[in-house]
Every structure is written in structure tokens, then in C-alpha cells.
């Protein structure tokens, strides 16, 4: 039974894209939902909508990091103020709220990986790791321990029913779509997860928050990595891995040594600014050789990639990942969260699952994610993996083997 709050004037239009039917064949009052609450507007609206829709909602907030540092900068997620905001929202709604101390898990599974990935010369995505481990694995299991039928989050992504069960699909609002950060969601996790905001846009979410009287309606979105609230990620790496800022050479891909750097952790593939060397023409970081402590630079054309290999892959498509690669299954691939998906085919690269682009893609960096989508409108998420290697489209660079 939808409550009066959701029947208020104008709410039907605001909530046109909300998915409040969680798909259980029993009364909503007997359906327990754990709402993962960060303290921001999105997850708070999810908890409020499901509560007003008649579900038995339990709010859970994770304490992931020492919030003393994070509180110094507005816009950092998972800070102490966010826990406060989540608790106040639950109190106002009259639903239980729990704070779980996941700091040690977060440090081990996200922060340590963040530091090690940079040290290896790759570019990490800690938000993917957090979703993959702390949230969609550890918190999901805790939700089951609380007797919940499902766990709901404020992510902008859709869970849709297909012929073989639930599928993952891009959000209705392309500007808020978070599918890039959720490619590692498994079939088993997708059975249990719900994303009520996947069909809404941010404007409608804020309008819903205001209409429901939520204090966080105008709260700014988080912008920074939660454990790097000042944006100085190198300081975090050096704190976790003392001595990581060891000097090395900046080398042009033609062999010339152009200068010295203060640590490979300060550079990423595609970087142009802040190199501290001049050649008379624009140069970019095209590769990082952590073993030799070398930052390799070259012209922009050297950033062009024609294929990539993936590790730690997750596959949600109809075939197996091996079958998709063996049959050169057409797909679309996104290698940065801000880039549109590009067409190509699944394949094997140096014996690993990979992707070959129809037209070269620029700035593909090991450590980042390659997220795969269905062809056509690119709505369905087929899975993806972390980029482990690339095949250059630049003639000056000898290319690794593409097996198809």
C-alpha cells in the first residue's frame, strides 16, 4: 500500500522513473530491505521511498575511514557528518539505523590495493574496489544476517528482468549513470540487489527529497575519493608505502632521457601537464615502467590503443566470457567513466580475455576498468574487467599478440 506521502500532489510525476516494486510475492510490510545509506541525498531518498511504500526498511551506514581528516573538506563521502545525516534521516523516518565499523576491511581491500596499484605503474579505481568488496560482498552478507530479503542502494543503474533472470542496465539518466563503477556485480549479487533510482534523474531525486521533507535535499554530491579528501592521493600512497616516491627517469619512447621524476606514483597514462620536461612539442605519458622506475613519454598518437587485455573479469552476458571471446562477439567498451562506449569485438589478447576496438581508443590505462555493453543502444551491461595490458595502434611501438 503506497502511503499518503507518495500520493501527495506532484509526486506521481516526480517518481515516474522510480522502481518501488521490489518483486517479492508477499506483503511489503513483511519484506525487509536493508538500505545502504551513505548520508547523501540519493541513498536517503531510497530509504525514505521504500519506507513510505510500505517496506520494512533498515538503514545501514558504513564507517570506512578515519573521518577526522575527511571532515576538513566539504564534499568528501563517508565522512563523520554523513553518518550523522544518515542517522538523523532514519530517526525522522522512524526506522532502525546501524553503523558498521568496516575500517579495517576498507583499508585492506581498498586502500592497500589503491597504493599497490599505483606502485605497479597502473591507475586504480578505488570506487570499483569498494563496490566489489566492502559493499556488494561484505555488506550484502551482513544484510542477509539481518534477515533482509534484499539490499537497496542509491546508485544510478537499473536492474531489469530478462529471459534468464535479472540483468544490469545503464541508468535512464546518462549523466548520472554509474554502470562503469558496478561492472563487477555478479549474477548472485544482482539477485539480491535493488536500485530504485535507476530510472530517475538527479533533479527528480532532489525534488522527491524536498517533497518528503528530508534535510539532505540540498546537500552537495561527494566529489572526492573518500580517503583522499584533499585530492593529494600521492600523500596517501607514501603514507601506506613509505619510500614509494623514489626518483627515476623520464624517457622519451625514442630512447632519449629527458629528465628526472620524483616517483612513478605521481604520473598516469595520458597525462600531459606537470611533466617538468620540454621537447618543443606536446608530449604525454604513454607508459609507466614501475620495475625500471621509468615514466615513458611520447606524442599524442602513441596513446592510441587498438586492443586491450583484462584481468579479474566479470561476465553477465548470455554466453560465457570464453565463448564470447572465441566467437568475436560484438560489443561496446568504455575505458573511462567519462568516455562514451566504443564499438569492437570480444577477443583474446596474449591469451587473456580482451577487446579489440573498431577504431583506436586513446589513453587506455592499465588498472582502469574496461566495461562492456550490448551493441545498439548500449543499455545492457555485459560485464568487464580491469585492464592488464594494451596493444598500441602506434607504429613505433611493437604490438603484443592479438589472438583473433
Protein backbone atom coordinates (compact mmCIF):
# COMPACT_ATOMS: atom_id res chain seq x y z
CA UNK A 1 0.00 0.00 0.00
CA UNK A 2 1.54 3.32 -1.08
CA UNK A 3 1.34 5.82 1.76
CA UNK A 4 -0.09 9.32 1.57
CA UNK A 5 3.41 10.80 1.28
CA UNK A 6 3.82 9.19 -2.14
CA UNK A 7 0.32 10.24 -3.19
CA UNK A 8 0.91 13.93 -2.48
CA UNK A 9 0.30 16.37 -5.36
CA UNK A 10 3.06 16.22 -7.94
CA UNK A 11 4.73 13.08 -6.54
CA UNK A 12 3.47 10.83 -9.32
CA UNK A 13 5.34 12.90 -11.90
CA UNK A 14 8.47 13.16 -9.73
CA UNK A 15 8.59 9.43 -9.15
CA UNK A 16 7.72 8.40 -12.70
CA UNK A 17 11.05 6.58 -13.08
CA UNK A 18 11.36 5.16 -9.57
CA UNK A 19 11.26 1.38 -9.21
CA UNK A 20 9.47 0.69 -5.93
CA UNK A 21 8.18 -2.76 -6.81
CA UNK A 22 10.95 -4.95 -5.45
CA UNK A 23 9.44 -8.11 -6.91
CA UNK A 24 8.53 -10.15 -3.85
CA UNK A 25 5.41 -12.27 -3.65
CA UNK A 26 4.45 -11.26 -0.12
CA UNK A 27 3.15 -8.15 1.66
CA UNK A 28 5.53 -5.21 1.66
CA UNK A 29 5.22 -4.93 5.43
CA UNK A 30 6.75 -8.42 5.66
CA UNK A 31 9.54 -7.64 3.19
CA UNK A 32 12.69 -6.46 4.94
CA UNK A 33 15.03 -4.21 2.97
CA UNK A 34 18.46 -3.04 4.08
CA UNK A 35 19.03 0.44 2.67
CA UNK A 36 22.75 1.15 2.28
CA UNK A 37 22.91 4.78 3.43
CA UNK A 38 25.95 6.97 2.81
CA UNK A 39 24.29 10.06 4.25
CA UNK A 40 23.85 11.64 0.83
CA UNK A 41 20.62 12.57 -0.89
CA UNK A 42 20.42 9.53 -3.19
CA UNK A 43 20.60 6.78 -0.59
CA UNK A 44 18.45 8.79 1.85
CA UNK A 45 15.72 9.13 -0.78
CA UNK A 46 15.88 5.37 -1.41
CA UNK A 47 15.34 4.63 2.29
CA UNK A 48 12.50 7.16 2.52
CA UNK A 49 10.71 5.99 -0.64
CA UNK A 50 10.84 2.34 0.34
CA UNK A 51 9.66 3.15 3.87
CA UNK A 52 6.73 5.20 2.58
CA UNK A 53 6.00 2.45 0.05
CA UNK A 54 5.34 0.13 2.97
CA UNK A 55 8.51 -1.96 3.22
CA UNK A 56 10.25 -2.92 6.47
CA UNK A 57 13.35 -0.77 5.97
CA UNK A 58 16.57 -0.92 7.99
CA UNK A 59 19.20 1.75 7.34
CA UNK A 60 22.87 0.74 7.45
CA UNK A 61 25.83 3.11 7.17
CA UNK A 62 29.45 2.03 6.87
CA UNK A 63 32.26 3.72 8.71
CA UNK A 64 35.07 3.24 6.25
CA UNK A 65 37.80 5.64 7.17
CA UNK A 66 39.19 7.87 9.91
CA UNK A 67 36.77 10.74 9.47
CA UNK A 68 38.89 13.31 11.28
CA UNK A 69 40.74 14.08 8.06
CA UNK A 70 37.73 13.83 5.79
CA UNK A 71 35.73 16.35 7.80
CA UNK A 72 38.19 19.07 6.83
CA UNK A 73 36.83 19.15 3.29
CA UNK A 74 33.24 19.51 2.21
CA UNK A 75 32.21 17.08 -0.49
CA UNK A 76 34.12 14.03 0.74
CA UNK A 77 31.96 10.95 1.03
CA UNK A 78 31.83 8.59 4.02
CA UNK A 79 32.77 11.39 6.44
CA UNK A 80 31.55 11.66 10.03
CA UNK A 81 28.94 14.24 9.10
CA UNK A 82 27.47 11.79 6.61
CA UNK A 83 26.94 9.20 9.34
CA UNK A 84 25.18 11.90 11.35
CA UNK A 85 22.95 12.78 8.40
CA UNK A 86 22.01 9.16 7.81
CA UNK A 87 21.16 8.65 11.47
CA UNK A 88 19.01 11.81 11.58
CA UNK A 89 17.14 10.74 8.45
CA UNK A 90 16.37 7.32 9.93
CA UNK A 91 15.22 8.91 13.18
CA UNK A 92 12.88 11.20 11.24
CA UNK A 93 11.51 8.24 9.26
CA UNK A 94 11.17 6.09 12.36
CA UNK A 95 13.28 3.24 11.01
CA UNK A 96 16.24 1.43 12.63
CA UNK A 97 19.74 2.60 11.79
CA UNK A 98 23.03 0.77 12.28
CA UNK A 99 26.60 1.98 11.81
CA UNK A 100 29.05 -0.79 10.95
CA UNK A 101 32.78 -0.35 11.52
CA UNK A 102 34.36 -1.57 8.31
CA UNK A 103 37.55 0.47 8.62
CA UNK A 104 39.92 -2.50 8.74
CA UNK A 105 38.20 -4.19 5.78
CA UNK A 106 38.23 -0.97 3.80
CA UNK A 107 41.92 -0.37 4.48
CA UNK A 108 42.86 -3.89 3.47
CA UNK A 109 40.62 -4.30 0.44
CA UNK A 110 40.51 -0.76 -0.99
CA UNK A 111 43.27 1.48 0.36
CA UNK A 112 46.06 -1.12 0.23
CA UNK A 113 45.03 -2.07 -3.30
CA UNK A 114 44.99 1.64 -4.23
CA UNK A 115 48.60 2.06 -3.09
CA UNK A 116 49.85 -1.18 -4.65
CA UNK A 117 48.22 -0.41 -8.00
CA UNK A 118 49.96 2.96 -8.20
CA UNK A 119 53.27 1.37 -7.20
CA UNK A 120 52.86 -1.13 -10.03
CA UNK A 121 52.59 1.75 -12.51
CA UNK A 122 48.85 1.38 -13.04
CA UNK A 123 45.90 3.67 -12.35
CA UNK A 124 43.48 2.35 -9.68
CA UNK A 125 39.72 2.82 -9.38
CA UNK A 126 39.02 2.60 -5.64
CA UNK A 127 35.26 3.13 -6.05
CA UNK A 128 35.05 -0.07 -8.11
CA UNK A 129 37.04 -1.97 -5.47
CA UNK A 130 34.80 -0.62 -2.72
CA UNK A 131 31.63 -1.72 -4.51
CA UNK A 132 33.20 -5.04 -5.43
CA UNK A 133 34.35 -5.95 -1.93
CA UNK A 134 33.20 -3.90 1.03
CA UNK A 135 29.71 -3.02 -0.19
CA UNK A 136 28.45 -5.72 -2.55
CA UNK A 137 30.20 -8.58 -0.80
CA UNK A 138 30.67 -7.81 2.91
CA UNK A 139 27.67 -5.53 3.45
CA UNK A 140 25.50 -7.77 1.34
CA UNK A 141 26.29 -10.73 3.60
CA UNK A 142 25.60 -8.61 6.68
CA UNK A 143 22.23 -7.67 5.17
CA UNK A 144 21.37 -11.35 4.90
CA UNK A 145 22.40 -11.81 8.55
CA UNK A 146 19.88 -9.08 9.44
CA UNK A 147 17.15 -11.14 7.79
CA UNK A 148 16.73 -8.81 4.82
CA UNK A 149 15.10 -10.03 1.63
CA UNK A 150 17.22 -7.62 -0.40
CA UNK A 151 19.61 -4.68 -0.19
CA UNK A 152 18.79 -1.36 -1.88
CA UNK A 153 21.30 1.33 -2.82
CA UNK A 154 21.16 4.84 -4.26
CA UNK A 155 23.21 4.01 -7.35
CA UNK A 156 22.00 5.24 -10.72
CA UNK A 157 21.81 1.93 -12.53
CA UNK A 158 18.90 -0.34 -13.43
CA UNK A 159 18.11 -3.94 -12.60
CA UNK A 160 15.81 -5.32 -15.26
CA UNK A 161 14.33 -8.79 -15.69
CA UNK A 162 15.48 -10.67 -18.76
CA UNK A 163 14.73 -14.11 -20.17
CA UNK A 164 17.28 -15.75 -17.85
CA UNK A 165 16.78 -13.59 -14.76
CA UNK A 166 17.88 -10.13 -13.63
CA UNK A 167 20.19 -8.12 -15.87
CA UNK A 168 22.21 -4.97 -15.23
CA UNK A 169 21.40 -1.96 -17.40
CA UNK A 170 22.60 1.62 -17.69
CA UNK A 171 20.65 4.29 -15.85
CA UNK A 172 17.94 6.25 -17.63
CA UNK A 173 19.91 9.45 -16.98
CA UNK A 174 23.18 9.16 -18.96
CA UNK A 175 24.75 11.99 -16.97
CA UNK A 176 24.33 10.08 -13.70
CA UNK A 177 24.83 6.53 -14.97
CA UNK A 178 27.16 4.61 -12.61
CA UNK A 179 27.43 1.37 -14.55
CA UNK A 180 31.15 1.90 -15.12
CA UNK A 181 31.75 1.51 -11.38
CA UNK A 182 29.47 -1.50 -10.99
CA UNK A 183 30.64 -3.84 -13.75
CA UNK A 184 31.94 -6.33 -11.16
CA UNK A 185 28.42 -7.01 -9.81
CA UNK A 186 27.90 -10.77 -10.10
CA UNK A 187 24.77 -12.72 -11.03
CA UNK A 188 24.36 -13.82 -7.42
CA UNK A 189 24.68 -10.26 -6.10
CA UNK A 190 22.26 -8.97 -8.72
CA UNK A 191 19.64 -11.43 -7.49
CA UNK A 192 19.77 -9.71 -4.10
CA UNK A 193 20.34 -6.05 -5.01
CA UNK A 194 17.78 -3.39 -5.91
CA UNK A 195 18.36 0.08 -7.44
CA UNK A 196 15.16 2.16 -7.05
CA UNK A 197 16.66 5.33 -8.59
CA UNK A 198 17.90 3.78 -11.85
CA UNK A 199 15.02 5.21 -13.87
CA UNK A 200 15.18 8.70 -12.30
CA UNK A 201 17.38 11.72 -12.88
CA UNK A 202 19.11 13.73 -10.17
CA UNK A 203 16.68 16.64 -10.41
CA UNK A 204 13.75 14.33 -9.68
CA UNK A 205 15.63 12.75 -6.78
CA UNK A 206 16.20 16.14 -5.17
CA UNK A 207 12.56 17.10 -5.76
CA UNK A 208 11.50 13.88 -4.06
CA UNK A 209 13.79 14.65 -1.12
CA UNK A 210 12.25 18.11 -0.74
CA UNK A 211 8.70 16.80 -1.06
CA UNK A 212 9.40 14.19 1.63
CA UNK A 213 10.91 16.80 3.96
CA UNK A 214 14.40 15.29 4.02
CA UNK A 215 17.09 17.58 5.44
CA UNK A 216 19.66 16.40 2.89
CA UNK A 217 17.61 17.58 -0.10
CA UNK A 218 20.14 20.30 -1.00
CA UNK A 219 23.27 18.50 0.22
CA UNK A 220 26.09 18.65 -2.35
CA UNK A 221 27.19 15.45 -4.05
CA UNK A 222 30.51 13.98 -2.96
CA UNK A 223 33.33 14.70 -5.39
CA UNK A 224 36.50 13.27 -3.89
CA UNK A 225 37.71 9.77 -3.15
CA UNK A 226 36.61 9.41 0.47
CA UNK A 227 40.05 8.65 1.89
CA UNK A 228 41.70 11.37 -0.22
CA UNK A 229 39.57 14.38 0.80
CA UNK A 230 42.21 16.94 -0.24
CA UNK A 231 42.89 15.30 -3.59
CA UNK A 232 46.52 14.52 -2.71
CA UNK A 233 46.50 10.82 -3.47
CA UNK A 234 50.30 10.62 -3.55
CA UNK A 235 50.44 11.50 0.15
CA UNK A 236 48.17 8.55 0.91
CA UNK A 237 50.32 6.19 -1.16
CA UNK A 238 53.50 7.40 0.52
CA UNK A 239 51.89 7.03 3.94
CA UNK A 240 50.80 3.46 3.22
CA UNK A 241 54.01 2.57 1.37
CA UNK A 242 56.93 4.62 2.79
CA UNK A 243 59.65 5.21 0.23
CA UNK A 244 57.30 4.90 -2.72
CA UNK A 245 58.33 8.31 -4.08
CA UNK A 246 61.68 7.07 -5.39
CA UNK A 247 63.25 9.08 -8.17
CA UNK A 248 63.63 7.77 -11.70
CA UNK A 249 63.97 8.79 -15.32
CA UNK A 250 61.54 10.43 -17.71
CA UNK A 251 62.33 8.74 -21.02
CA UNK A 252 61.04 9.52 -24.50
CA UNK A 253 59.84 6.43 -26.33
CA UNK A 254 62.64 7.01 -28.86
CA UNK A 255 65.17 6.33 -26.07
CA UNK A 256 66.16 9.86 -25.06
CA UNK A 257 66.36 10.55 -21.32
CA UNK A 258 64.58 13.87 -20.88
CA UNK A 259 64.77 14.36 -17.14
CA UNK A 260 64.12 13.02 -13.67
CA UNK A 261 60.89 12.41 -11.74
CA UNK A 262 60.09 12.09 -8.03
CA UNK A 263 58.18 8.82 -8.21
CA UNK A 264 56.08 6.91 -10.74
CA UNK A 265 53.08 7.24 -8.39
CA UNK A 266 52.77 10.87 -9.47
CA UNK A 267 52.06 10.01 -13.11
CA UNK A 268 49.23 8.42 -15.06
CA UNK A 269 48.88 7.34 -18.69
CA UNK A 270 47.59 10.23 -20.79
CA UNK A 271 48.99 12.93 -18.51
CA UNK A 272 50.40 15.99 -20.25
CA UNK A 273 50.69 18.70 -17.59
CA UNK A 274 53.26 18.71 -14.82
CA UNK A 275 55.88 16.56 -16.54
CA UNK A 276 58.64 19.08 -15.91
CA UNK A 277 60.39 18.49 -19.25
CA UNK A 278 60.27 20.33 -22.55
CA UNK A 279 60.84 18.96 -26.05
CA UNK A 280 59.41 21.72 -28.22
CA UNK A 281 56.30 19.66 -28.95
CA UNK A 282 53.44 18.34 -26.80
CA UNK A 283 54.30 15.08 -25.05
CA UNK A 284 52.18 12.74 -22.95
CA UNK A 285 52.77 9.89 -20.56
CA UNK A 286 52.30 6.81 -22.75
CA UNK A 287 53.55 4.12 -20.39
CA UNK A 288 54.87 3.65 -16.84
CA UNK A 289 57.54 1.03 -16.22
CA UNK A 290 57.44 0.66 -12.45
CA UNK A 291 60.15 -2.01 -12.40
CA UNK A 292 62.67 0.36 -14.03
CA UNK A 293 61.13 3.42 -12.32
CA UNK A 294 60.71 5.00 -15.76
CA UNK A 295 57.98 7.32 -16.99
CA UNK A 296 57.83 6.89 -20.77
CA UNK A 297 56.54 9.83 -22.80
CA UNK A 298 55.72 10.39 -26.44
CA UNK A 299 53.39 12.13 -28.91
CA UNK A 300 49.64 12.01 -28.53
CA UNK A 301 49.32 9.45 -31.32
CA UNK A 302 51.20 6.98 -29.12
CA UNK A 303 48.23 6.94 -26.73
CA UNK A 304 46.06 5.26 -29.35
CA UNK A 305 45.16 1.69 -28.48
CA UNK A 306 43.68 -0.92 -30.80
CA UNK A 307 43.15 -3.73 -28.27
CA UNK A 308 43.40 -4.48 -24.57
CA UNK A 309 43.52 -7.45 -22.22
CA UNK A 310 41.54 -7.78 -18.99
CA UNK A 311 42.01 -9.49 -15.64
CA UNK A 312 39.62 -10.15 -12.77
CA UNK A 313 36.83 -10.23 -15.32
CA UNK A 314 33.13 -10.45 -14.52
CA UNK A 315 30.69 -11.59 -17.20
CA UNK A 316 26.92 -11.07 -17.20
CA UNK A 317 26.24 -11.92 -20.84
CA UNK A 318 24.32 -14.92 -22.16
CA UNK A 319 27.42 -16.85 -23.25
CA UNK A 320 30.43 -17.50 -21.07
CA UNK A 321 33.26 -14.97 -21.32
CA UNK A 322 35.44 -17.59 -23.02
CA UNK A 323 32.75 -18.26 -25.63
CA UNK A 324 32.26 -14.53 -26.23
CA UNK A 325 35.99 -14.06 -26.87
CA UNK A 326 36.29 -17.18 -29.02
CA UNK A 327 33.40 -16.12 -31.25
CA UNK A 328 34.48 -12.48 -31.53
CA UNK A 329 31.18 -11.30 -30.06
CA UNK A 330 30.43 -7.68 -30.98
CA UNK A 331 30.16 -5.33 -28.00
CA UNK A 332 30.77 -1.76 -26.90
CA UNK A 333 33.59 -0.92 -24.48
CA UNK A 334 34.07 2.00 -22.12
CA UNK A 335 37.57 2.54 -20.73
CA UNK A 336 36.93 5.70 -18.69
CA UNK A 337 33.84 6.73 -16.75
CA UNK A 338 33.68 9.98 -18.73
CA UNK A 339 34.06 8.37 -22.16
CA UNK A 340 31.25 7.01 -24.33
CA UNK A 341 31.37 3.29 -25.16
CA UNK A 342 33.16 2.43 -28.42
CA UNK A 343 32.41 -0.44 -30.78
CA UNK A 344 34.54 -3.52 -31.29
CA UNK A 345 34.63 -7.25 -30.59
CA UNK A 346 35.48 -9.53 -27.70
CA UNK A 347 38.71 -11.44 -28.35
CA UNK A 348 41.78 -12.95 -26.72
CA UNK A 349 44.86 -10.78 -26.26
CA UNK A 350 48.04 -12.61 -25.27
CA UNK A 351 45.86 -15.48 -24.10
CA UNK A 352 43.69 -13.30 -21.85
CA UNK A 353 40.08 -12.16 -22.33
CA UNK A 354 40.17 -8.85 -24.14
CA UNK A 355 38.58 -6.40 -26.53
CA UNK A 356 39.57 -5.12 -29.98
CA UNK A 357 38.31 -1.69 -31.00
CA UNK A 358 36.95 -0.97 -34.46
CA UNK A 359 38.68 2.41 -34.27
CA UNK A 360 41.62 3.11 -31.97
CA UNK A 361 40.80 4.40 -28.48
CA UNK A 362 43.03 6.93 -26.74
CA UNK A 363 44.63 6.86 -23.30
CA UNK A 364 43.75 3.33 -22.22
CA UNK A 365 45.48 2.85 -18.86
CA UNK A 366 46.28 -0.42 -17.09
CA UNK A 367 44.46 -0.59 -13.75
CA UNK A 368 41.39 1.18 -15.08
CA UNK A 369 38.24 -0.75 -15.96
CA UNK A 370 37.04 -1.85 -19.36
CA UNK A 371 33.26 -2.09 -19.06
CA UNK A 372 31.34 -3.91 -21.79
CA UNK A 373 27.87 -3.16 -23.10
CA UNK A 374 25.48 -4.69 -25.59
CA UNK A 375 25.53 -3.31 -29.12
CA UNK A 376 22.81 -0.98 -30.35
CA UNK A 377 21.76 1.39 -27.60
CA UNK A 378 24.45 0.07 -25.19
CA UNK A 379 21.84 -0.32 -22.49
CA UNK A 380 22.74 -3.74 -21.10
CA UNK A 381 25.91 -4.16 -19.04
CA UNK A 382 27.69 -7.33 -20.13
CA UNK A 383 30.43 -7.11 -17.51
CA UNK A 384 34.06 -6.13 -17.83
CA UNK A 385 37.43 -6.35 -16.13
CA UNK A 386 40.50 -4.44 -15.04
CA UNK A 387 42.82 -3.52 -17.90
CA UNK A 388 46.06 -5.51 -17.66
CA UNK A 389 47.68 -4.69 -20.99
CA UNK A 390 47.25 -2.77 -24.22
CA UNK A 391 48.06 -3.19 -27.90
CA UNK A 392 49.28 0.07 -29.37
CA UNK A 393 47.95 1.42 -32.65
CA UNK A 394 51.12 3.49 -32.97
CA UNK A 395 53.59 2.02 -35.45
CA UNK A 396 56.63 2.88 -33.36
CA UNK A 397 55.51 0.51 -30.62
CA UNK A 398 55.79 -3.25 -31.32
CA UNK A 399 52.35 -4.74 -30.66
CA UNK A 400 51.60 -7.71 -28.40
CA UNK A 401 49.73 -10.60 -29.98
CA UNK A 402 46.01 -10.32 -30.65
CA UNK A 403 44.77 -13.88 -30.91
CA UNK A 404 41.85 -13.20 -33.24
